[in-house]
Amino acid sequence: MLPCYVLLDLETTGSNPVHDRITEVAALRIEQGDVVAKWSRLVHPGQRIPPFIQQLTGIDDAMVADAPAFGAVLPELLALLNGAVLVAHNVRFDHGFLKQAAAREGVDLRVKTLCTVRLSRKLYPQARGHGLDAIMRRHGLHTTARHRAMGDVALLHDWLGIATAELGAPAVQAAAQELLRGGASVPPQLETPIDDIPDGPGVYLFYGEGDVPLYIGKSVRLRGRVLSHFQADHRDAKEMRIAQDVRRVEWRETAGEFGALLLEAQLVKNLQPLLNRQLRRERQLCAWRLADTADALPLLTLVRGDELDPQQFPRLYGTYRSKRQAVESLRTLAQRHALCPQALGLESGKGRCFAHQIGQCKGVCCGKESAAQHHLRLQLALAAERLRAWPFSGPIGLREQDAQHERTDIHVFDQWRHLGTVRTEAELAELLEGRSDDAPGGFDLDTYRLLLGRLLGTKGPPAGLMLLDRR
C-alpha cells in the first residue's frame, strides 16, 4: 500500500483526548509489504476506567494496575513510528490521543496520517458502511479480540490484504497516495466534499445526523476556516466533538465580513446550534430607564423585552442579558460613585441608608446631598452606558461588495433593527415597501453592537452608506 507505514489502534477511557487517557496501544510496522515489527502494550491511564469501557474492551483497572504510564512506553512508540505513515481506522481519534498524550510528556508528535475509513470509502464507494464492524461483515472477517488494540490492528491488516487481492496492489496504492496528498485531517464520515465549499466570505453550518446544527460560524475564507476546525480537534474538546459528530457542511455566502457577522448572529438565534455558547437568543434582555425628575423614587427602573424601544434609547442605559446582571452592574456603579442604593431602587427603607453609614453614599437619603446633585452625578456615572439614539432621519443601507466573486449585498437598517439584506435595487424597493414603522420588537443587542461598531469605526460616514427614503 505504502512503502512504510504503521497500523495502529488505541483503547482509551473515553472519547475526549483532553480529559481521557490511553489504556492500550498496539501496532504493526510494515515495510515494502512485510511486517517487520509487532508491538503491544497495556498503559496505566492514571484514572479509573469507566464500567462501560471495561465492558466494551475487556480492560479493567486490575489489568492496568501494574502497567507502565504512557511516558514510559512513548520512546518505543516513537521509534516504531519513525519514518512511517500512521495508519488507523478513524485516524483522527488515535492521532488526537497520541498527540495530546505526547504533549503531556513534552513531545511534539509530528507524523503523516492515513485513515482507513476514508480508504474504504474510496476503494468500495458502493458499500453502505465503512466502520470496522461493517468491513468485517462485508468481507467475512472474524476475530475474538474485537475492541482490543491488537485484535483491531490485525483486522485492518487482514482487510488491506483482501482489498489488495480483490482490487490489485496498484489501485490500493494509488488510493492511499491520493488520500495522503489530500490530507487526512478531514473527518472520515464527512459527506460534504471539502472542495465544494467556497473560499469567500460567509457562514458555515456543521450538521450531525439530526436537523439541529452542531455549530455555526463565519469567516472571510469559508473553506480554510472549516478545515481549521478539523486540524485543531486534538487540542480542544469542542473541536473534537465537531470532528467526531459532523456529517455534512452547509454554507451561506455573503459579500463580506460584516454580512457574515450579521447572518451568523441571526442563524445562531434562530437555529440554536448545540455548541455555540454566544449569540444565543436574548430572552431576558433588559436595560435601566432613568427617571425624568431628580426626586423620583426609584430613579431607575428595569425595562425588558419589547419595552426596549429604540425611540426611548436616550433614556435607557446599558443592555444586560439578565436582571441579575443588571442589578450587579448597578451595585458596582453605586459603590464606585458613592450613589445611594435606596434612591436607585436597589434597597428599600427610609432615612439614612447603610451605605451612608459606612461612607459609601453622600447622603441624598438623609438630606446631606440635594436630589438634583445626586441625579446629576448619576447621569454622569451612567453616561458611558447610555444607548445611542438612531442618528438618521430614516432607514439606511450599507452596501458591501466582493469584487472577486462579483457579489453585492445591501444591508438595510432602521432604528438599529436589521430589516433585511438584499442584492438588487428591486429587492430593496420591495423590502422598504413592505416595512412597517410601528412593527413591535425587533431589537437585537448583537445587531446593535455590530452596527454601532461599523458606524463609529471609521472617520466620517462608513463606505457604502446609503440614506434611504421612508417610502
Protein backbone atom coordinates (compact mmCIF):
# COMPACT_ATOMS: atom_id res chain seq x y z
CA MET A 1 0.00 0.00 0.00
CA LEU A 2 2.69 2.47 1.11
CA PRO A 3 6.46 1.92 1.30
CA CYS A 4 6.47 2.21 5.09
CA TYR A 5 3.52 2.54 7.43
CA VAL A 6 2.38 1.62 10.94
CA LEU A 7 -1.06 0.13 11.51
CA LEU A 8 -2.08 1.33 14.96
CA ASP A 9 -5.01 1.14 17.34
CA LEU A 10 -5.66 2.54 20.82
CA GLU A 11 -8.02 1.70 23.62
CA THR A 12 -8.90 4.61 25.93
CA THR A 13 -11.01 5.54 28.96
CA GLY A 14 -13.32 7.66 26.79
CA SER A 15 -13.56 9.75 23.64
CA ASN A 16 -12.07 13.07 24.79
CA PRO A 17 -8.26 13.30 24.32
CA VAL A 18 -8.04 16.23 26.71
CA HIS A 19 -9.67 14.52 29.70
CA ASP A 20 -9.48 10.78 28.91
CA ARG A 21 -6.39 8.60 28.76
CA ILE A 22 -4.90 5.70 26.80
CA THR A 23 -5.18 2.16 28.26
CA GLU A 24 -3.65 0.09 25.43
CA VAL A 25 -1.56 0.61 22.30
CA ALA A 26 -0.87 -1.92 19.54
CA ALA A 27 0.93 -1.52 16.23
CA LEU A 28 2.32 -3.36 13.21
CA ARG A 29 5.16 -1.73 11.29
CA ILE A 30 5.05 -2.70 7.61
CA GLU A 31 7.86 -2.03 5.16
CA GLN A 32 7.57 -2.92 1.45
CA GLY A 33 4.58 -5.11 2.26
CA ASP A 34 6.25 -7.12 5.05
CA VAL A 35 5.52 -6.91 8.79
CA VAL A 36 8.86 -6.01 10.38
CA ALA A 37 7.63 -5.26 13.92
CA LYS A 38 4.67 -6.25 16.10
CA TRP A 39 4.21 -4.24 19.28
CA SER A 40 1.54 -4.05 22.00
CA ARG A 41 1.44 -2.51 25.47
CA LEU A 42 -1.11 -2.01 28.22
CA VAL A 43 -0.87 1.50 29.68
CA HIS A 44 -1.80 2.75 33.14
CA PRO A 45 -4.20 5.65 32.46
CA GLY A 46 -3.80 7.36 35.83
CA GLN A 47 -7.59 7.33 36.29
CA ARG A 48 -10.39 4.82 36.76
CA ILE A 49 -11.70 3.03 33.68
CA PRO A 50 -15.49 3.60 33.39
CA PRO A 51 -17.64 0.44 33.66
CA PHE A 52 -18.96 0.89 30.12
CA ILE A 53 -15.43 0.99 28.71
CA GLN A 54 -14.44 -2.05 30.78
CA GLN A 55 -17.37 -3.97 29.34
CA LEU A 56 -16.61 -2.83 25.79
CA THR A 57 -12.88 -3.54 25.76
CA GLY A 58 -12.46 -6.13 28.48
CA ILE A 59 -9.71 -3.97 30.02
CA ASP A 60 -10.35 -3.28 33.71
CA ASP A 61 -8.49 -1.45 36.45
CA ALA A 62 -6.81 -4.62 37.70
CA MET A 63 -5.31 -5.34 34.28
CA VAL A 64 -3.54 -1.98 34.10
CA ALA A 65 -2.66 -1.70 37.80
CA ASP A 66 0.99 -2.68 37.17
CA ALA A 67 1.20 -1.36 33.61
CA PRO A 68 3.63 1.47 32.77
CA ALA A 69 2.46 5.05 32.28
CA PHE A 70 2.30 6.36 28.73
CA GLY A 71 5.52 8.31 29.18
CA ALA A 72 7.41 5.06 29.78
CA VAL A 73 6.29 3.45 26.51
CA LEU A 74 6.50 6.63 24.41
CA PRO A 75 10.16 6.13 23.35
CA GLU A 76 9.34 2.66 21.96
CA LEU A 77 6.32 4.05 20.11
CA LEU A 78 8.31 6.95 18.64
CA ALA A 79 10.95 4.52 17.37
CA LEU A 80 8.22 2.41 15.77
CA LEU A 81 6.69 5.46 14.05
CA ASN A 82 9.99 6.90 12.86
CA GLY A 83 9.87 7.44 9.09
CA ALA A 84 6.45 5.81 8.75
CA VAL A 85 2.91 6.91 7.98
CA LEU A 86 0.47 6.40 10.86
CA VAL A 87 -2.49 4.38 9.55
CA ALA A 88 -5.59 3.79 11.66
CA HIS A 89 -9.35 3.37 11.40
CA ASN A 90 -10.68 6.89 12.08
CA VAL A 91 -7.10 8.07 12.43
CA ARG A 92 -8.17 11.42 13.85
CA PHE A 93 -9.18 9.69 17.07
CA ASP A 94 -5.93 7.78 17.53
CA HIS A 95 -3.72 10.62 16.32
CA GLY A 96 -5.53 13.12 18.55
CA PHE A 97 -4.99 10.94 21.64
CA LEU A 98 -1.36 10.23 20.79
CA LYS A 99 -0.56 13.88 20.11
CA GLN A 100 -2.22 15.01 23.33
CA ALA A 101 -0.53 12.28 25.41
CA ALA A 102 2.85 13.03 23.84
CA ALA A 103 2.40 16.76 24.51
CA ARG A 104 1.90 16.00 28.21
CA GLU A 105 5.35 14.41 28.09
CA GLY A 106 6.84 17.46 26.39
CA VAL A 107 6.98 15.82 22.94
CA ASP A 108 5.55 17.42 19.81
CA LEU A 109 4.40 14.41 17.79
CA ARG A 110 4.65 15.06 14.06
CA VAL A 111 3.67 12.21 11.76
CA LYS A 112 1.81 11.81 8.48
CA THR A 113 -1.55 10.07 8.86
CA LEU A 114 -3.87 7.99 6.71
CA CYS A 115 -7.43 6.99 7.62
CA THR A 116 -8.63 3.52 6.61
CA VAL A 117 -12.27 4.65 6.90
CA ARG A 118 -11.63 7.11 4.08
CA LEU A 119 -9.60 4.49 2.24
CA SER A 120 -12.55 2.06 2.44
CA ARG A 121 -14.88 4.76 1.09
CA LYS A 122 -12.53 5.32 -1.82
CA LEU A 123 -11.95 1.65 -2.62
CA TYR A 124 -15.54 0.49 -2.09
CA PRO A 125 -17.75 3.52 -2.85
CA GLN A 126 -20.79 1.31 -3.39
CA ALA A 127 -20.67 -0.07 0.18
CA ARG A 128 -23.09 1.37 2.74
CA GLY A 129 -20.89 1.19 5.85
CA HIS A 130 -17.20 1.72 6.41
CA GLY A 131 -16.82 1.20 10.15
CA LEU A 132 -14.74 -1.75 11.27
CA ASP A 133 -17.81 -3.87 12.05
CA ALA A 134 -19.25 -3.11 8.59
CA ILE A 135 -15.94 -4.06 6.96
CA MET A 136 -15.92 -7.33 8.90
CA ARG A 137 -19.42 -8.22 7.64
CA ARG A 138 -18.64 -7.12 4.11
CA HIS A 139 -15.52 -9.26 3.78
CA GLY A 140 -16.35 -12.12 6.13
CA LEU A 141 -13.66 -11.26 8.69
CA HIS A 142 -13.75 -12.66 12.24
CA THR A 143 -11.91 -12.01 15.48
CA THR A 144 -12.16 -12.99 19.14
CA ALA A 145 -10.44 -9.77 20.22
CA ARG A 146 -12.71 -7.00 18.92
CA HIS A 147 -12.10 -3.70 20.77
CA ARG A 148 -8.69 -4.85 21.92
CA ALA A 149 -5.90 -2.89 20.30
CA MET A 150 -4.01 -5.76 18.62
CA GLY A 151 -7.23 -7.51 17.64
CA ASP A 152 -8.41 -4.44 15.73
CA VAL A 153 -4.97 -3.90 14.16
CA ALA A 154 -4.99 -7.49 12.92
CA LEU A 155 -8.43 -6.93 11.37
CA LEU A 156 -7.14 -3.89 9.48
CA HIS A 157 -4.14 -5.83 8.25
CA ASP A 158 -6.35 -8.67 7.02
CA TRP A 159 -8.72 -6.22 5.30
CA LEU A 160 -5.87 -4.49 3.47
CA GLY A 161 -4.75 -7.90 2.24
CA ILE A 162 -8.25 -8.70 0.95
CA ALA A 163 -8.59 -5.29 -0.74
CA THR A 164 -5.21 -5.77 -2.44
CA ALA A 165 -6.24 -9.21 -3.67
CA GLU A 166 -9.64 -8.00 -4.93
CA LEU A 167 -8.68 -4.67 -6.48
CA GLY A 168 -4.97 -5.06 -7.15
CA ALA A 169 -1.98 -3.52 -5.40
CA PRO A 170 -1.72 -0.54 -7.83
CA ALA A 171 -5.34 0.53 -7.13
CA VAL A 172 -4.89 0.35 -3.35
CA GLN A 173 -1.57 2.18 -3.55
CA ALA A 174 -2.99 4.92 -5.79
CA ALA A 175 -5.97 5.47 -3.46
CA ALA A 176 -3.69 5.65 -0.41
CA GLN A 177 -1.33 8.09 -2.10
CA GLU A 178 -4.22 10.30 -3.18
CA LEU A 179 -5.60 10.43 0.37
CA LEU A 180 -2.14 11.13 1.72
CA ARG A 181 -1.70 14.06 -0.68
CA GLY A 182 -5.19 15.36 0.12
CA GLY A 183 -4.52 15.47 3.84
CA ALA A 184 -6.08 13.14 6.37
CA SER A 185 -7.37 15.96 8.54
CA VAL A 186 -10.88 15.72 7.08
CA PRO A 187 -13.19 13.56 9.28
CA PRO A 188 -13.76 10.23 7.53
CA GLN A 189 -17.54 10.34 7.96
CA LEU A 190 -17.88 13.80 6.36
CA GLU A 191 -20.20 13.53 3.36
CA THR A 192 -19.62 17.06 2.00
CA PRO A 193 -16.63 17.33 -0.36
CA ILE A 194 -14.29 19.98 1.02
CA ASP A 195 -13.57 21.28 -2.48
CA ASP A 196 -17.26 22.17 -2.87
CA ILE A 197 -17.04 24.74 -0.07
CA PRO A 198 -16.32 28.22 -1.46
CA ASP A 199 -13.29 30.13 -0.26
CA GLY A 200 -15.02 33.51 0.01
CA PRO A 201 -16.83 35.14 2.94
CA GLY A 202 -19.94 33.69 4.50
CA VAL A 203 -21.39 31.47 7.23
CA TYR A 204 -20.93 27.72 7.60
CA LEU A 205 -23.20 25.25 9.43
CA PHE A 206 -21.99 21.89 10.77
CA TYR A 207 -24.65 19.17 10.97
CA GLY A 208 -24.53 15.73 12.55
CA GLU A 209 -27.21 13.15 11.89
CA GLY A 210 -30.04 15.41 13.12
CA ASP A 211 -31.67 18.57 11.83
CA VAL A 212 -30.29 20.87 14.55
CA PRO A 213 -26.83 22.24 13.65
CA LEU A 214 -23.89 21.24 15.82
CA TYR A 215 -22.17 24.58 15.30
CA ILE A 216 -22.46 27.75 13.23
CA GLY A 217 -19.52 30.00 12.42
CA LYS A 218 -18.43 32.71 9.99
CA SER A 219 -15.31 33.55 8.06
CA VAL A 220 -13.99 35.62 5.19
CA ARG A 221 -12.50 32.35 3.84
CA LEU A 222 -15.05 29.60 4.38
CA ARG A 223 -13.12 26.55 3.19
CA GLY A 224 -9.99 27.36 5.15
CA ARG A 225 -11.97 28.07 8.31
CA VAL A 226 -13.87 24.79 8.05
CA LEU A 227 -10.60 22.88 7.68
CA SER A 228 -9.10 24.68 10.67
CA HIS A 229 -11.77 23.14 12.92
CA PHE A 230 -10.62 19.67 11.95
CA GLN A 231 -6.94 20.46 12.36
CA ALA A 232 -7.41 21.56 15.98
CA ASP A 233 -9.59 18.74 17.29
CA HIS A 234 -6.90 17.12 19.44
CA ARG A 235 -6.41 20.33 21.44
CA ASP A 236 -9.99 21.37 22.13
CA ALA A 237 -12.93 19.30 23.40
CA LYS A 238 -15.45 21.25 21.30
CA GLU A 239 -13.40 20.82 18.12
CA MET A 240 -13.01 17.13 18.88
CA ARG A 241 -16.77 16.71 19.22
CA ILE A 242 -17.34 18.55 15.94
CA ALA A 243 -14.83 16.30 14.17
CA GLN A 244 -16.42 13.17 15.62
CA ASP A 245 -20.07 14.08 15.00
CA VAL A 246 -20.08 16.18 11.81
CA ARG A 247 -21.69 14.53 8.78
CA ARG A 248 -22.29 17.44 6.42
CA VAL A 249 -21.49 21.13 5.99
CA GLU A 250 -23.82 23.79 4.64
CA TRP A 251 -22.88 27.38 3.89
CA ARG A 252 -24.40 30.76 3.03
CA GLU A 253 -22.21 33.13 1.04
CA THR A 254 -22.06 36.86 1.76
CA ALA A 255 -20.36 39.82 0.14
CA GLY A 256 -18.07 40.46 3.10
CA GLU A 257 -17.30 40.09 6.78
CA PHE A 258 -19.99 42.46 8.04
CA GLY A 259 -22.71 40.47 6.27
CA ALA A 260 -21.25 37.24 7.63
CA LEU A 261 -21.35 38.63 11.18
CA LEU A 262 -24.99 39.68 10.78
CA LEU A 263 -26.02 36.35 9.29
CA GLU A 264 -24.15 34.33 11.90
CA ALA A 265 -25.91 36.15 14.74
CA GLN A 266 -29.29 35.66 13.08
CA LEU A 267 -28.80 31.94 12.34
CA VAL A 268 -27.48 31.14 15.81
CA LYS A 269 -30.53 32.74 17.43
CA ASN A 270 -32.98 31.10 15.03
CA LEU A 271 -31.46 27.60 14.85
CA GLN A 272 -29.95 27.31 18.36
CA PRO A 273 -26.93 25.12 17.46
CA LEU A 274 -25.75 22.75 20.16
CA LEU A 275 -22.17 24.01 20.56
CA ASN A 276 -22.50 27.80 20.16
CA ARG A 277 -22.15 29.48 23.54
CA GLN A 278 -22.52 33.06 22.36
CA LEU A 279 -25.07 34.89 20.22
CA ARG A 280 -27.95 32.92 21.74
CA ARG A 281 -31.46 34.36 21.77
CA GLU A 282 -31.74 37.13 24.39
CA ARG A 283 -34.88 36.06 26.22
CA GLN A 284 -34.22 38.27 29.29
CA LEU A 285 -32.55 41.28 27.68
CA CYS A 286 -33.05 44.42 29.79
CA ALA A 287 -31.81 47.98 30.42
CA TRP A 288 -32.17 50.72 33.04
CA ARG A 289 -34.52 53.66 32.40
CA LEU A 290 -33.67 56.89 34.19
CA ALA A 291 -36.49 58.93 35.72
CA ASP A 292 -37.10 62.40 34.32
CA THR A 293 -37.16 64.12 37.71
CA ALA A 294 -34.46 64.16 40.38
CA ASP A 295 -36.83 63.40 43.27
CA ALA A 296 -38.47 60.32 41.69
CA LEU A 297 -38.22 57.06 43.63
CA PRO A 298 -36.74 54.90 42.41
CA LEU A 299 -34.55 56.81 40.00
CA LEU A 300 -34.03 53.74 37.82
CA THR A 301 -36.49 51.12 36.63
CA LEU A 302 -35.73 47.97 34.69
CA VAL A 303 -37.06 47.77 31.13
CA ARG A 304 -37.24 44.39 29.37
CA GLY A 305 -38.06 42.69 26.11
CA ASP A 306 -40.36 44.58 23.76
CA GLU A 307 -40.15 47.68 26.01
CA LEU A 308 -36.62 48.19 24.67
CA ASP A 309 -37.92 50.65 22.09
CA PRO A 310 -35.13 52.40 20.13
CA GLN A 311 -37.27 55.57 20.26
CA GLN A 312 -36.61 55.62 24.04
CA PHE A 313 -32.86 54.91 23.85
CA PRO A 314 -31.76 58.38 25.03
CA ARG A 315 -33.35 57.49 28.42
CA LEU A 316 -32.02 53.91 28.55
CA TYR A 317 -28.68 52.75 29.90
CA GLY A 318 -26.81 49.52 29.45
CA THR A 319 -28.03 46.33 27.86
CA TYR A 320 -27.91 43.33 30.14
CA ARG A 321 -28.57 39.68 29.42
CA SER A 322 -30.48 39.13 32.68
CA LYS A 323 -31.98 41.02 35.62
CA ARG A 324 -29.25 39.63 37.83
CA GLN A 325 -26.51 41.03 35.60
CA ALA A 326 -28.27 44.42 35.51
CA VAL A 327 -28.57 44.61 39.30
CA GLU A 328 -24.98 43.52 39.92
CA SER A 329 -23.73 46.10 37.44
CA LEU A 330 -25.76 48.84 39.11
CA ARG A 331 -24.48 47.89 42.57
CA THR A 332 -20.91 48.16 41.34
CA LEU A 333 -21.67 51.55 39.79
CA ALA A 334 -23.26 52.79 43.02
CA GLN A 335 -20.23 51.78 45.11
CA ARG A 336 -17.77 53.30 42.65
CA HIS A 337 -19.55 56.68 42.55
CA ALA A 338 -20.95 56.83 46.11
CA LEU A 339 -24.57 56.77 44.87
CA CYS A 340 -27.46 55.99 47.19
CA PRO A 341 -28.77 52.39 46.79
CA GLN A 342 -32.15 53.44 48.24
CA ALA A 343 -32.60 56.19 45.67
CA LEU A 344 -31.57 53.80 42.89
CA GLY A 345 -34.12 51.23 43.99
CA LEU A 346 -31.53 48.65 44.99
CA GLU A 347 -32.64 48.74 48.65
CA SER A 348 -35.87 49.51 50.44
CA GLY A 349 -36.24 51.72 53.51
CA LYS A 350 -36.31 55.37 54.52
CA GLY A 351 -33.81 57.71 56.08
CA ARG A 352 -30.08 57.22 56.20
CA CYS A 353 -29.07 54.15 54.19
CA PHE A 354 -26.45 51.66 55.32
CA ALA A 355 -24.07 52.77 52.55
CA HIS A 356 -24.08 56.29 54.02
CA GLN A 357 -23.29 54.89 57.45
CA ILE A 358 -20.11 53.28 56.10
CA GLY A 359 -19.13 56.26 53.94
CA GLN A 360 -20.26 54.91 50.56
CA CYS A 361 -23.18 57.30 49.97
CA LYS A 362 -23.06 61.11 50.04
CA GLY A 363 -26.39 61.34 51.84
CA VAL A 364 -29.24 62.12 49.43
CA CYS A 365 -31.24 59.71 51.57
CA CYS A 366 -30.89 61.91 54.67
CA GLY A 367 -30.73 65.41 53.21
CA LYS A 368 -26.96 65.81 53.18
CA GLU A 369 -26.91 65.93 49.37
CA SER A 370 -29.54 67.52 47.16
CA ALA A 371 -31.65 65.33 44.90
CA ALA A 372 -30.59 67.45 41.92
CA GLN A 373 -26.89 66.99 42.68
CA HIS A 374 -27.33 63.23 43.16
CA HIS A 375 -29.33 62.98 39.94
CA LEU A 376 -26.59 64.81 38.03
CA ARG A 377 -23.88 62.52 39.45
CA LEU A 378 -25.98 59.51 38.49
CA GLN A 379 -26.29 60.77 34.91
CA LEU A 380 -22.53 61.27 34.69
CA ALA A 381 -21.89 57.80 36.11
CA LEU A 382 -24.26 56.24 33.58
CA ALA A 383 -23.07 58.27 30.60
CA ALA A 384 -20.83 55.58 29.15
CA GLU A 385 -23.72 53.07 29.26
CA ARG A 386 -26.27 55.28 27.52
CA LEU A 387 -27.87 53.72 24.48
CA ARG A 388 -27.48 55.82 21.36
CA ALA A 389 -30.41 57.37 19.59
CA TRP A 390 -30.79 56.41 15.94
CA PRO A 391 -28.60 59.02 14.18
CA PHE A 392 -30.54 59.13 10.91
CA SER A 393 -33.92 60.51 9.88
CA GLY A 394 -34.96 57.20 8.35
CA PRO A 395 -33.66 53.82 7.21
CA ILE A 396 -30.17 53.33 5.83
CA GLY A 397 -28.44 50.80 3.64
CA LEU A 398 -24.86 49.61 3.94
CA ARG A 399 -23.56 48.40 0.60
CA GLU A 400 -20.96 45.64 0.81
CA GLN A 401 -19.13 44.44 -2.29
CA ASP A 402 -16.98 41.42 -3.09
CA ALA A 403 -15.34 42.24 -6.40
CA GLN A 404 -13.56 38.90 -6.65
CA HIS A 405 -16.82 36.94 -6.58
CA GLU A 406 -18.91 39.70 -8.22
CA ARG A 407 -21.38 39.93 -5.36
CA THR A 408 -23.02 42.99 -3.81
CA ASP A 409 -25.20 42.95 -0.68
CA ILE A 410 -27.18 45.85 0.75
CA HIS A 411 -27.86 45.54 4.49
CA VAL A 412 -30.90 47.62 5.46
CA PHE A 413 -31.40 49.05 8.98
CA ASP A 414 -33.79 51.37 10.76
CA GLN A 415 -33.84 52.28 14.46
CA TRP A 416 -30.95 49.81 14.98
CA ARG A 417 -33.06 46.95 13.61
CA HIS A 418 -31.83 44.85 10.72
CA LEU A 419 -34.70 44.88 8.25
CA GLY A 420 -33.02 42.51 5.82
CA THR A 421 -30.28 42.05 3.25
CA VAL A 422 -30.96 42.43 -0.48
CA ARG A 423 -28.87 42.24 -3.64
CA THR A 424 -30.70 44.41 -6.16
CA GLU A 425 -32.45 47.76 -6.27
CA ALA A 426 -35.73 45.97 -6.99
CA GLU A 427 -35.38 43.83 -3.87
CA LEU A 428 -34.52 46.95 -1.88
CA ALA A 429 -37.67 48.73 -3.07
CA GLU A 430 -39.78 45.68 -2.20
CA LEU A 431 -38.26 45.47 1.28
CA LEU A 432 -38.91 49.14 2.01
CA GLU A 433 -42.47 48.96 0.66
CA GLY A 434 -43.26 46.07 2.96
CA ARG A 435 -41.78 47.50 6.15
CA SER A 436 -43.87 48.87 9.00
CA ASP A 437 -42.69 51.73 11.20
CA ASP A 438 -44.73 50.50 14.15
CA ALA A 439 -43.70 46.83 13.92
CA PRO A 440 -43.23 45.57 17.52
CA GLY A 441 -39.92 44.32 18.92
CA GLY A 442 -37.06 43.51 16.64
CA PHE A 443 -34.28 44.98 18.79
CA ASP A 444 -31.25 42.70 18.99
CA LEU A 445 -28.25 43.52 21.12
CA ASP A 446 -25.71 41.87 18.85
CA THR A 447 -27.06 43.69 15.79
CA TYR A 448 -26.96 46.98 17.71
CA ARG A 449 -23.31 46.43 18.66
CA LEU A 450 -22.28 45.32 15.18
CA LEU A 451 -23.92 48.29 13.50
CA LEU A 452 -22.64 50.74 16.10
CA GLY A 453 -19.12 49.45 15.57
CA ARG A 454 -19.50 49.80 11.81
CA LEU A 455 -20.84 53.37 12.04
CA LEU A 456 -18.25 54.55 14.57
CA GLY A 457 -15.31 52.51 13.32
CA THR A 458 -14.28 54.95 10.61
CA LYS A 459 -13.68 58.68 10.36
CA GLY A 460 -16.73 60.09 8.68
CA PRO A 461 -19.53 58.01 7.14
CA PRO A 462 -18.62 54.35 6.51
CA ALA A 463 -18.05 53.22 2.94
CA GLY A 464 -21.23 52.18 1.20
CA LEU A 465 -23.63 54.13 3.45
CA MET A 466 -26.95 54.88 1.71
CA LEU A 467 -29.65 57.15 3.16
CA LEU A 468 -32.94 55.62 2.09
CA ASP A 469 -36.41 57.06 1.58
CA ARG A 470 -39.08 56.19 4.13
CA ARG A 471 -41.46 55.15 1.33
